[in-house]
C-alpha atoms as a PDB file:
ATOM      1  CA  MET A   1      62.554  18.493  -5.969  1.00  0.00           C
ATOM      2  CA  LYS A   2      66.011  17.922  -4.516  1.00  0.00           C
ATOM      3  CA  ALA A   3      68.156  18.314  -7.645  1.00  0.00           C
ATOM      4  CA  THR A   4      69.700  21.794  -7.786  1.00  0.00           C
ATOM      5  CA  ALA A   5      71.220  24.118 -10.372  1.00  0.00           C
ATOM      6  CA  VAL A   6      73.495  26.901  -9.155  1.00  0.00           C
ATOM      7  CA  ARG A   7      74.558  29.803 -11.379  1.00  0.00           C
ATOM      8  CA  ASP A   8      78.343  30.141 -11.679  1.00  0.00           C
ATOM      9  CA  GLY A   9      79.277  32.917 -14.074  1.00  0.00           C
ATOM     10  CA  ASP A  10      78.274  31.889 -17.603  1.00  0.00           C
ATOM     11  CA  HIS A  11      77.382  28.374 -16.482  1.00  0.00           C
ATOM     12  CA  TYR A  12      75.021  26.470 -14.213  1.00  0.00           C
ATOM     13  CA  VAL A  13      76.297  23.634 -12.016  1.00  0.00           C
ATOM     14  CA  LEU A  14      73.823  20.744 -11.852  1.00  0.00           C
ATOM     15  CA  ASN A  15      73.671  18.239  -8.998  1.00  0.00           C
ATOM     16  CA  GLY A  16      71.156  15.522  -8.234  1.00  0.00           C
ATOM     17  CA  ILE A  17      69.394  12.455  -9.607  1.00  0.00           C
ATOM     18  CA  LYS A  18      66.440  12.390 -11.990  1.00  0.00           C
ATOM     19  CA  ASN A  19      64.304   9.243 -11.817  1.00  0.00           C
ATOM     20  CA  PHE A  20      62.222   7.279 -14.331  1.00  0.00           C
ATOM     21  CA  CYS A  21      63.609   9.038 -17.416  1.00  0.00           C
ATOM     22  CA  SER A  22      62.175   7.648 -20.657  1.00  0.00           C
ATOM     23  CA  SER A  23      64.688   6.947 -23.429  1.00  0.00           C
ATOM     24  CA  GLY A  24      67.494   7.273 -20.887  1.00  0.00           C
ATOM     25  CA  LYS A  25      70.903   6.394 -22.322  1.00  0.00           C
ATOM     26  CA  ALA A  26      69.381   6.026 -25.790  1.00  0.00           C
ATOM     27  CA  ALA A  27      68.650   9.736 -26.276  1.00  0.00           C
ATOM     28  CA  GLN A  28      71.348  12.233 -27.214  1.00  0.00           C
ATOM     29  CA  THR A  29      69.619  15.324 -25.802  1.00  0.00           C
ATOM     30  CA  TYR A  30      67.766  15.655 -22.478  1.00  0.00           C
ATOM     31  CA  VAL A  31      65.491  18.293 -20.978  1.00  0.00           C
ATOM     32  CA  VAL A  32      65.903  18.138 -17.214  1.00  0.00           C
ATOM     33  CA  PHE A  33      64.404  20.145 -14.368  1.00  0.00           C
ATOM     34  CA  PHE A  34      66.337  21.501 -11.386  1.00  0.00           C
ATOM     35  CA  SER A  35      65.607  23.841  -8.533  1.00  0.00           C
ATOM     36  CA  THR A  36      67.412  27.138  -9.072  1.00  0.00           C
ATOM     37  CA  ASN A  37      65.709  28.696  -6.029  1.00  0.00           C
ATOM     38  CA  PRO A  38      64.565  26.070  -3.489  1.00  0.00           C
ATOM     39  CA  ALA A  39      63.002  28.734  -1.281  1.00  0.00           C
ATOM     40  CA  ARG A  40      60.419  29.458  -3.996  1.00  0.00           C
ATOM     41  CA  GLY A  41      59.250  25.862  -4.297  1.00  0.00           C
ATOM     42  CA  ALA A  42      57.518  25.163  -7.619  1.00  0.00           C
ATOM     43  CA  ARG A  43      58.271  28.704  -8.802  1.00  0.00           C
ATOM     44  CA  GLY A  44      61.979  28.088  -8.301  1.00  0.00           C
ATOM     45  CA  ILE A  45      62.221  25.224 -10.814  1.00  0.00           C
ATOM     46  CA  SER A  46      64.101  25.754 -14.087  1.00  0.00           C
ATOM     47  CA  ALA A  47      64.490  23.607 -17.206  1.00  0.00           C
ATOM     48  CA  PHE A  48      67.828  22.884 -18.903  1.00  0.00           C
ATOM     49  CA  VAL A  49      68.951  21.199 -22.098  1.00  0.00           C
ATOM     50  CA  VAL A  50      71.821  18.774 -21.443  1.00  0.00           C
ATOM     51  CA  GLU A  51      73.688  16.792 -24.099  1.00  0.00           C
ATOM     52  CA  LYS A  52      74.693  13.184 -23.601  1.00  0.00           C
ATOM     53  CA  GLY A  53      78.404  12.989 -22.829  1.00  0.00           C
ATOM     54  CA  THR A  54      78.558  16.273 -20.901  1.00  0.00           C
ATOM     55  CA  PRO A  55      81.129  15.848 -18.082  1.00  0.00           C
ATOM     56  CA  GLY A  56      79.369  15.183 -14.786  1.00  0.00           C
ATOM     57  CA  PHE A  57      76.307  13.677 -16.495  1.00  0.00           C
ATOM     58  CA  GLU A  58      76.091   9.900 -16.074  1.00  0.00           C
ATOM     59  CA  PHE A  59      73.495   7.147 -16.088  1.00  0.00           C
ATOM     60  CA  GLY A  60      72.437   5.255 -13.001  1.00  0.00           C
ATOM     61  CA  LYS A  61      70.003   2.380 -12.597  1.00  0.00           C
ATOM     62  CA  LYS A  62      68.160   0.937 -15.572  1.00  0.00           C
ATOM     63  CA  GLU A  63      64.568   0.327 -14.466  1.00  0.00           C
ATOM     64  CA  GLU A  64      62.856  -3.006 -15.054  1.00  0.00           C
ATOM     65  CA  LYS A  65      59.307  -2.172 -16.060  1.00  0.00           C
ATOM     66  CA  MET A  66      56.053  -4.076 -16.387  1.00  0.00           C
ATOM     67  CA  GLY A  67      55.417  -2.769 -19.907  1.00  0.00           C
ATOM     68  CA  ILE A  68      56.922  -0.657 -22.713  1.00  0.00           C
ATOM     69  CA  ARG A  69      60.110  -2.615 -22.128  1.00  0.00           C
ATOM     70  CA  ALA A  70      61.480  -1.671 -25.548  1.00  0.00           C
ATOM     71  CA  ASN A  71      61.843   1.898 -24.273  1.00  0.00           C
ATOM     72  CA  TRP A  72      64.749   2.261 -21.839  1.00  0.00           C
ATOM     73  CA  THR A  73      64.085   3.995 -18.545  1.00  0.00           C
ATOM     74  CA  TYR A  74      67.114   5.160 -16.555  1.00  0.00           C
ATOM     75  CA  GLU A  75      68.197   7.285 -13.647  1.00  0.00           C
ATOM     76  CA  LEU A  76      70.098  10.379 -14.774  1.00  0.00           C
ATOM     77  CA  VAL A  77      72.923  11.290 -12.379  1.00  0.00           C
ATOM     78  CA  PHE A  78      74.427  14.773 -12.242  1.00  0.00           C
ATOM     79  CA  LYS A  79      77.599  15.447 -10.241  1.00  0.00           C
ATOM     80  CA  ASP A  80      78.922  18.995 -10.598  1.00  0.00           C
ATOM     81  CA  CYS A  81      77.768  18.965 -14.202  1.00  0.00           C
ATOM     82  CA  ARG A  82      78.494  22.330 -15.811  1.00  0.00           C
ATOM     83  CA  VAL A  83      76.288  23.523 -18.645  1.00  0.00           C
ATOM     84  CA  PRO A  84      76.321  26.917 -20.386  1.00  0.00           C
ATOM     85  CA  ALA A  85      73.777  29.433 -19.153  1.00  0.00           C
ATOM     86  CA  ALA A  86      72.442  29.434 -22.717  1.00  0.00           C
ATOM     87  CA  ASN A  87      71.174  25.884 -22.035  1.00  0.00           C
ATOM     88  CA  LEU A  88      68.511  27.332 -19.736  1.00  0.00           C
ATOM     89  CA  LEU A  89      65.174  26.638 -21.420  1.00  0.00           C
ATOM     90  CA  TYR A  90      63.012  29.760 -21.557  1.00  0.00           C
ATOM     91  CA  LYS A  91      63.592  31.660 -18.271  1.00  0.00           C
ATOM     92  CA  GLU A  92      64.873  30.891 -14.790  1.00  0.00           C
ATOM     93  CA  GLY A  93      62.025  29.866 -12.492  1.00  0.00           C
ATOM     94  CA  TYR A  94      59.772  28.924 -15.406  1.00  0.00           C
ATOM     95  CA  GLY A  95      60.503  25.172 -15.382  1.00  0.00           C
ATOM     96  CA  LEU A  96      57.057  24.116 -14.207  1.00  0.00           C
ATOM     97  CA  PHE A  97      55.568  26.479 -16.759  1.00  0.00           C
ATOM     98  CA  VAL A  98      57.675  24.832 -19.492  1.00  0.00           C
ATOM     99  CA  ALA A  99      56.549  21.373 -18.366  1.00  0.00           C
ATOM    100  CA  GLN A 100      52.869  22.296 -18.244  1.00  0.00           C
ATOM    101  CA  GLY A 101      53.011  24.009 -21.625  1.00  0.00           C
ATOM    102  CA  THR A 102      54.680  20.930 -23.086  1.00  0.00           C
ATOM    103  CA  PHE A 103      52.021  18.630 -21.622  1.00  0.00           C
ATOM    104  CA  ASP A 104      49.275  20.749 -23.198  1.00  0.00           C
ATOM    105  CA  LEU A 105      50.723  19.795 -26.580  1.00  0.00           C
ATOM    106  CA  SER A 106      52.096  16.308 -25.934  1.00  0.00           C
ATOM    107  CA  ARG A 107      49.231  14.564 -24.163  1.00  0.00           C
ATOM    108  CA  PRO A 108      47.297  13.833 -27.360  1.00  0.00           C
ATOM    109  CA  GLY A 109      50.394  11.861 -28.387  1.00  0.00           C
ATOM    110  CA  ILE A 110      49.872   9.605 -25.379  1.00  0.00           C
ATOM    111  CA  GLY A 111      46.227   9.297 -26.368  1.00  0.00           C
ATOM    112  CA  SER A 112      47.359   8.206 -29.822  1.00  0.00           C
ATOM    113  CA  GLN A 113      49.734   5.646 -28.311  1.00  0.00           C
ATOM    114  CA  ALA A 114      46.950   4.278 -26.112  1.00  0.00           C
ATOM    115  CA  LEU A 115      44.526   4.116 -29.010  1.00  0.00           C
ATOM    116  CA  GLY A 116      47.038   2.190 -31.113  1.00  0.00           C
ATOM    117  CA  ILE A 117      47.601  -0.280 -28.285  1.00  0.00           C
ATOM    118  CA  ALA A 118      43.855  -0.851 -27.957  1.00  0.00           C
ATOM    119  CA  GLN A 119      43.388  -1.300 -31.708  1.00  0.00           C
ATOM    120  CA  GLY A 120      46.309  -3.712 -31.912  1.00  0.00           C
ATOM    121  CA  ALA A 121      44.909  -5.797 -29.069  1.00  0.00           C
ATOM    122  CA  LEU A 122      41.459  -5.896 -30.654  1.00  0.00           C
ATOM    123  CA  ASP A 123      42.869  -6.886 -34.064  1.00  0.00           C
ATOM    124  CA  GLU A 124      44.771  -9.811 -32.529  1.00  0.00           C
ATOM    125  CA  THR A 125      41.772 -10.854 -30.472  1.00  0.00           C
ATOM    126  CA  LEU A 126      39.327 -10.689 -33.352  1.00  0.00           C
ATOM    127  CA  SER A 127      41.580 -12.886 -35.457  1.00  0.00           C
ATOM    128  CA  TYR A 128      41.856 -15.434 -32.653  1.00  0.00           C
ATOM    129  CA  VAL A 129      38.195 -15.653 -31.592  1.00  0.00           C
ATOM    130  CA  ARG A 130      37.103 -16.114 -35.204  1.00  0.00           C
ATOM    131  CA  GLN A 131      39.150 -19.296 -35.546  1.00  0.00           C
ATOM    132  CA  ARG A 132      39.098 -20.633 -31.956  1.00  0.00           C
ATOM    133  CA  LYS A 133      36.262 -23.138 -31.597  1.00  0.00           C
ATOM    134  CA  GLN A 134      34.326 -24.393 -28.604  1.00  0.00           C
ATOM    135  CA  PHE A 135      31.389 -26.783 -28.893  1.00  0.00           C
ATOM    136  CA  GLY A 136      32.007 -26.908 -32.610  1.00  0.00           C
ATOM    137  CA  VAL A 137      31.582 -23.178 -33.325  1.00  0.00           C
ATOM    138  CA  PRO A 138      33.917 -20.137 -33.264  1.00  0.00           C
ATOM    139  CA  VAL A 139      33.879 -18.445 -29.862  1.00  0.00           C
ATOM    140  CA  ALA A 140      33.240 -15.136 -31.656  1.00  0.00           C
ATOM    141  CA  SER A 141      29.680 -16.368 -32.198  1.00  0.00           C
ATOM    142  CA  PHE A 142      29.027 -16.514 -28.440  1.00  0.00           C
ATOM    143  CA  GLN A 143      26.952 -13.552 -27.308  1.00  0.00           C
ATOM    144  CA  ALA A 144      29.201 -12.832 -24.307  1.00  0.00           C
ATOM    145  CA  ILE A 145      32.224 -12.544 -26.599  1.00  0.00           C
ATOM    146  CA  SER A 146      30.411 -10.635 -29.345  1.00  0.00           C
ATOM    147  CA  HIS A 147      29.219  -8.025 -26.855  1.00  0.00           C
ATOM    148  CA  MET A 148      32.767  -7.506 -25.595  1.00  0.00           C
ATOM    149  CA  LEU A 149      33.942  -7.118 -29.192  1.00  0.00           C
ATOM    150  CA  ALA A 150      31.217  -4.576 -29.876  1.00  0.00           C
ATOM    151  CA  ASP A 151      31.984  -2.571 -26.740  1.00  0.00           C
ATOM    152  CA  SER A 152      35.711  -2.570 -27.473  1.00  0.00           C
ATOM    153  CA  ALA A 153      35.239  -1.430 -31.072  1.00  0.00           C
ATOM    154  CA  THR A 154      32.797   1.289 -30.003  1.00  0.00           C
ATOM    155  CA  GLN A 155      35.149   2.643 -27.341  1.00  0.00           C
ATOM    156  CA  ILE A 156      38.042   2.723 -29.805  1.00  0.00           C
ATOM    157  CA  GLU A 157      35.998   4.625 -32.386  1.00  0.00           C
ATOM    158  CA  ALA A 158      34.857   7.132 -29.761  1.00  0.00           C
ATOM    159  CA  GLY A 159      38.468   7.670 -28.704  1.00  0.00           C
ATOM    160  CA  ARG A 160      39.580   8.043 -32.303  1.00  0.00           C
ATOM    161  CA  ALA A 161      36.904  10.678 -32.967  1.00  0.00           C
ATOM    162  CA  LEU A 162      37.943  12.696 -29.898  1.00  0.00           C
ATOM    163  CA  LEU A 163      41.658  12.389 -30.698  1.00  0.00           C
ATOM    164  CA  TYR A 164      41.343  13.396 -34.359  1.00  0.00           C
ATOM    165  CA  ALA A 165      38.967  16.287 -33.658  1.00  0.00           C
ATOM    166  CA  THR A 166      41.312  17.669 -30.996  1.00  0.00           C
ATOM    167  CA  ALA A 167      44.406  17.227 -33.168  1.00  0.00           C
ATOM    168  CA  ARG A 168      42.771  19.060 -36.087  1.00  0.00           C
ATOM    169  CA  ALA A 169      41.708  21.946 -33.851  1.00  0.00           C
ATOM    170  CA  MET A 170      45.168  22.201 -32.296  1.00  0.00           C
ATOM    171  CA  ASP A 171      46.836  22.160 -35.714  1.00  0.00           C
ATOM    172  CA  ARG A 172      44.771  25.134 -36.864  1.00  0.00           C
ATOM    173  CA  GLU A 173      46.141  27.286 -34.030  1.00  0.00           C
ATOM    174  CA  LEU A 174      49.577  25.821 -33.486  1.00  0.00           C
ATOM    175  CA  LYS A 175      50.877  25.758 -37.060  1.00  0.00           C
ATOM    176  CA  PRO A 176      50.778  29.575 -37.398  1.00  0.00           C
ATOM    177  CA  ALA A 177      52.430  29.888 -33.971  1.00  0.00           C
ATOM    178  CA  LEU A 178      55.190  27.473 -34.951  1.00  0.00           C
ATOM    179  CA  SER A 179      55.803  29.340 -38.193  1.00  0.00           C
ATOM    180  CA  MET A 180      56.029  32.646 -36.318  1.00  0.00           C
ATOM    181  CA  ALA A 181      58.335  31.152 -33.682  1.00  0.00           C
ATOM    182  CA  ILE A 182      60.740  29.885 -36.359  1.00  0.00           C
ATOM    183  CA  LYS A 183      60.619  33.100 -38.371  1.00  0.00           C
ATOM    184  CA  GLU A 184      61.079  35.445 -35.403  1.00  0.00           C
ATOM    185  CA  ARG A 185      63.315  33.064 -33.425  1.00  0.00           C
ATOM    186  CA  ILE A 186      61.127  33.260 -30.330  1.00  0.00           C
ATOM    187  CA  PRO A 187      59.651  30.547 -28.058  1.00  0.00           C
ATOM    188  CA  VAL A 188      56.472  28.945 -29.344  1.00  0.00           C
ATOM    189  CA  TYR A 189      54.626  30.065 -26.221  1.00  0.00           C
ATOM    190  CA  ASP A 190      55.504  33.702 -26.930  1.00  0.00           C
ATOM    191  CA  ALA A 191      54.261  33.274 -30.487  1.00  0.00           C
ATOM    192  CA  MET A 192      51.018  31.779 -29.181  1.00  0.00           C
ATOM    193  CA  LYS A 193      50.554  34.804 -26.931  1.00  0.00           C
ATOM    194  CA  LYS A 194      51.130  37.156 -29.868  1.00  0.00           C
ATOM    195  CA  LEU A 195      48.489  35.318 -31.879  1.00  0.00           C
ATOM    196  CA  ASP A 196      46.134  35.155 -28.878  1.00  0.00           C
ATOM    197  CA  SER A 197      46.071  31.351 -29.117  1.00  0.00           C
ATOM    198  CA  LYS A 198      44.289  29.406 -26.400  1.00  0.00           C
ATOM    199  CA  ARG A 199      45.796  26.827 -24.069  1.00  0.00           C
ATOM    200  CA  TRP A 200      44.826  23.219 -24.736  1.00  0.00           C
ATOM    201  CA  THR A 201      44.976  21.923 -21.164  1.00  0.00           C
ATOM    202  CA  LYS A 202      41.361  20.772 -21.097  1.00  0.00           C
ATOM    203  CA  GLU A 203      41.167  19.171 -24.532  1.00  0.00           C
ATOM    204  CA  SER A 204      44.558  17.449 -24.394  1.00  0.00           C
ATOM    205  CA  GLY A 205      43.742  16.133 -20.919  1.00  0.00           C
ATOM    206  CA  MET A 206      40.416  14.773 -22.158  1.00  0.00           C
ATOM    207  CA  VAL A 207      42.121  12.928 -25.018  1.00  0.00           C
ATOM    208  CA  LYS A 208      44.795  11.483 -22.747  1.00  0.00           C
ATOM    209  CA  VAL A 209      42.461  10.304 -19.990  1.00  0.00           C
ATOM    210  CA  PHE A 210      39.753   8.939 -22.295  1.00  0.00           C
ATOM    211  CA  CYS A 211      42.042   7.049 -24.664  1.00  0.00           C
ATOM    212  CA  SER A 212      44.258   5.614 -21.932  1.00  0.00           C
ATOM    213  CA  ASP A 213      41.295   4.447 -19.870  1.00  0.00           C
ATOM    214  CA  LEU A 214      39.724   2.784 -22.887  1.00  0.00           C
ATOM    215  CA  ALA A 215      43.057   1.162 -23.769  1.00  0.00           C
ATOM    216  CA  MET A 216      43.251  -0.424 -20.332  1.00  0.00           C
ATOM    217  CA  LYS A 217      39.632  -1.585 -20.502  1.00  0.00           C
ATOM    218  CA  VAL A 218      39.929  -2.952 -24.047  1.00  0.00           C
ATOM    219  CA  THR A 219      43.210  -4.794 -23.454  1.00  0.00           C
ATOM    220  CA  VAL A 220      41.960  -6.409 -20.243  1.00  0.00           C
ATOM    221  CA  ASP A 221      38.837  -7.538 -22.116  1.00  0.00           C
ATOM    222  CA  CYS A 222      40.974  -8.851 -24.981  1.00  0.00           C
ATOM    223  CA  VAL A 223      42.961 -11.038 -22.594  1.00  0.00           C
ATOM    224  CA  GLN A 224      39.664 -12.300 -21.191  1.00  0.00           C
ATOM    225  CA  MET A 225      38.230 -13.052 -24.629  1.00  0.00           C
ATOM    226  CA  CYS A 226      41.328 -15.014 -25.611  1.00  0.00           C
ATOM    227  CA  GLY A 227      41.143 -17.104 -22.453  1.00  0.00           C
ATOM    228  CA  GLY A 228      44.189 -19.010 -21.256  1.00  0.00           C
ATOM    229  CA  ILE A 229      46.284 -18.284 -24.336  1.00  0.00           C
ATOM    230  CA  GLY A 230      45.689 -14.576 -23.785  1.00  0.00           C
ATOM    231  CA  TYR A 231      47.603 -14.815 -20.508  1.00  0.00           C
ATOM    232  CA  MET A 232      50.662 -16.406 -22.082  1.00  0.00           C
ATOM    233  CA  ARG A 233      53.827 -14.543 -23.032  1.00  0.00           C
ATOM    234  CA  ASP A 234      53.990 -16.187 -26.453  1.00  0.00           C
ATOM    235  CA  PHE A 235      50.662 -14.551 -27.404  1.00  0.00           C
ATOM    236  CA  PRO A 236      50.671 -10.767 -27.961  1.00  0.00           C
ATOM    237  CA  VAL A 237      47.579  -9.539 -26.109  1.00  0.00           C
ATOM    238  CA  GLU A 238      49.139  -9.767 -22.630  1.00  0.00           C
ATOM    239  CA  LYS A 239      51.865  -7.409 -23.844  1.00  0.00           C
ATOM    240  CA  TYR A 240      49.267  -4.928 -25.061  1.00  0.00           C
ATOM    241  CA  MET A 241      47.661  -5.034 -21.608  1.00  0.00           C
ATOM    242  CA  ARG A 242      50.988  -4.367 -19.855  1.00  0.00           C
ATOM    243  CA  ASP A 243      51.844  -1.585 -22.289  1.00  0.00           C
ATOM    244  CA  ALA A 244      48.426   0.059 -21.884  1.00  0.00           C
ATOM    245  CA  LYS A 245      48.876   0.629 -18.150  1.00  0.00           C
ATOM    246  CA  ILE A 246      51.642   3.213 -18.474  1.00  0.00           C
ATOM    247  CA  THR A 247      49.426   5.450 -20.616  1.00  0.00           C
ATOM    248  CA  GLN A 248      47.255   6.034 -17.543  1.00  0.00           C
ATOM    249  CA  ILE A 249      50.339   7.093 -15.565  1.00  0.00           C
ATOM    250  CA  TYR A 250      52.956   9.049 -17.499  1.00  0.00           C
ATOM    251  CA  GLU A 251      52.618  12.569 -18.915  1.00  0.00           C
ATOM    252  CA  GLY A 252      50.489  13.150 -15.813  1.00  0.00           C
ATOM    253  CA  THR A 253      48.331  10.505 -14.140  1.00  0.00           C
ATOM    254  CA  ASN A 254      44.686  10.301 -15.103  1.00  0.00           C
ATOM    255  CA  GLN A 255      43.779  11.579 -11.659  1.00  0.00           C
ATOM    256  CA  ILE A 256      45.652  14.842 -12.276  1.00  0.00           C
ATOM    257  CA  GLN A 257      44.092  15.026 -15.758  1.00  0.00           C
ATOM    258  CA  ARG A 258      40.669  15.079 -14.167  1.00  0.00           C
ATOM    259  CA  ASN A 259      41.790  17.801 -11.762  1.00  0.00           C
ATOM    260  CA  GLU A 260      43.025  19.941 -14.652  1.00  0.00           C
ATOM    261  CA  ILE A 261      39.985  19.289 -16.839  1.00  0.00           C
ATOM    262  CA  SER A 262      37.590  20.272 -14.057  1.00  0.00           C
ATOM    263  CA  MET A 263      39.681  23.348 -13.223  1.00  0.00           C
ATOM    264  CA  MET A 264      39.516  24.547 -16.832  1.00  0.00           C
ATOM    265  CA  ILE A 265      35.773  23.837 -17.068  1.00  0.00           C
ATOM    266  CA  ILE A 266      35.171  25.915 -13.932  1.00  0.00           C
ATOM    267  CA  LYS A 267      37.342  28.753 -15.282  1.00  0.00           C
ATOM    268  CA  GLU A 268      35.476  28.738 -18.583  1.00  0.00           C
ATOM    269  CA  ALA A 269      32.113  28.812 -16.822  1.00  0.00           C
ATOM    270  CA  ALA A 270      33.256  31.752 -14.684  1.00  0.00           C
ATOM    271  CA  SER A 271      34.489  33.628 -17.756  1.00  0.00           C
ATOM    272  CA  LYS A 272      31.174  33.122 -19.558  1.00  0.00           C
ATOM    273  CA  LYS A 273      29.269  34.386 -16.525  1.00  0.00           C
ATOM    274  CA  GLU A 274      31.477  37.478 -16.328  1.00  0.00           C
ATOM    275  CA  ALA A 275      31.015  38.117 -20.053  1.00  0.00           C
ATOM    276  CA  VAL A 276      27.222  37.906 -19.745  1.00  0.00           C
ATOM    277  CA  ALA A 277      27.261  40.210 -16.712  1.00  0.00           C
ATOM    278  CA  ALA A 278      29.325  42.773 -18.613  1.00  0.00           C
END
């Protein structure tokens, strides 16, 4: 990370460029990460809240993306941008911690997005293959197509079951923590620690990776089932396919999800072994 934040009395001075920022220019409030101690590497990163219109905060290049084109993605440019020290989010040097804690809670949202994309693509495809005829019969009656429909529907239902089960379990623990955080005016993470709540790294990663992978598979198959029209811009399934791809990338690529899932599984296994030994 090259962007830096330097403490100057009751303010921090921000300098640098942040890339690929979702909702850039459209949002009014931004959470941005800067190095407050470059010598400490990842442990020297801090998170700040910056309002749109703050002097020294401007917008650079608008990115042209393959999918999710309705959501603006911009460079954020900071040139001697002064923000109050109170805009520091949590504690100095805890930026990576803030990001990881956020991802634990936000990744099921990406799973939900991916699942909706897959369901939308399947709905459009099912409608089309039921009325599109070849050799005098709807193509939905062809075994090759019907098997793809069955696989797509099964994958979506499996993803929905995992997503809903995880969301319900998270709600049971997080709602009391949120209530405590609001009542005591403390960070949610501190409230979770007080209530001895678990981290959701493994489960949220599972939801994100499973639902985004199935969304990519289902949307590619939907384009295939629709044939030539599925490849055309005036038919919606190609958009679903382009939109699905980002869900495998942002909020942490699916490769890093698998790293984190396996890490948590190994930790849990070690803890169980230690508990049995004790």
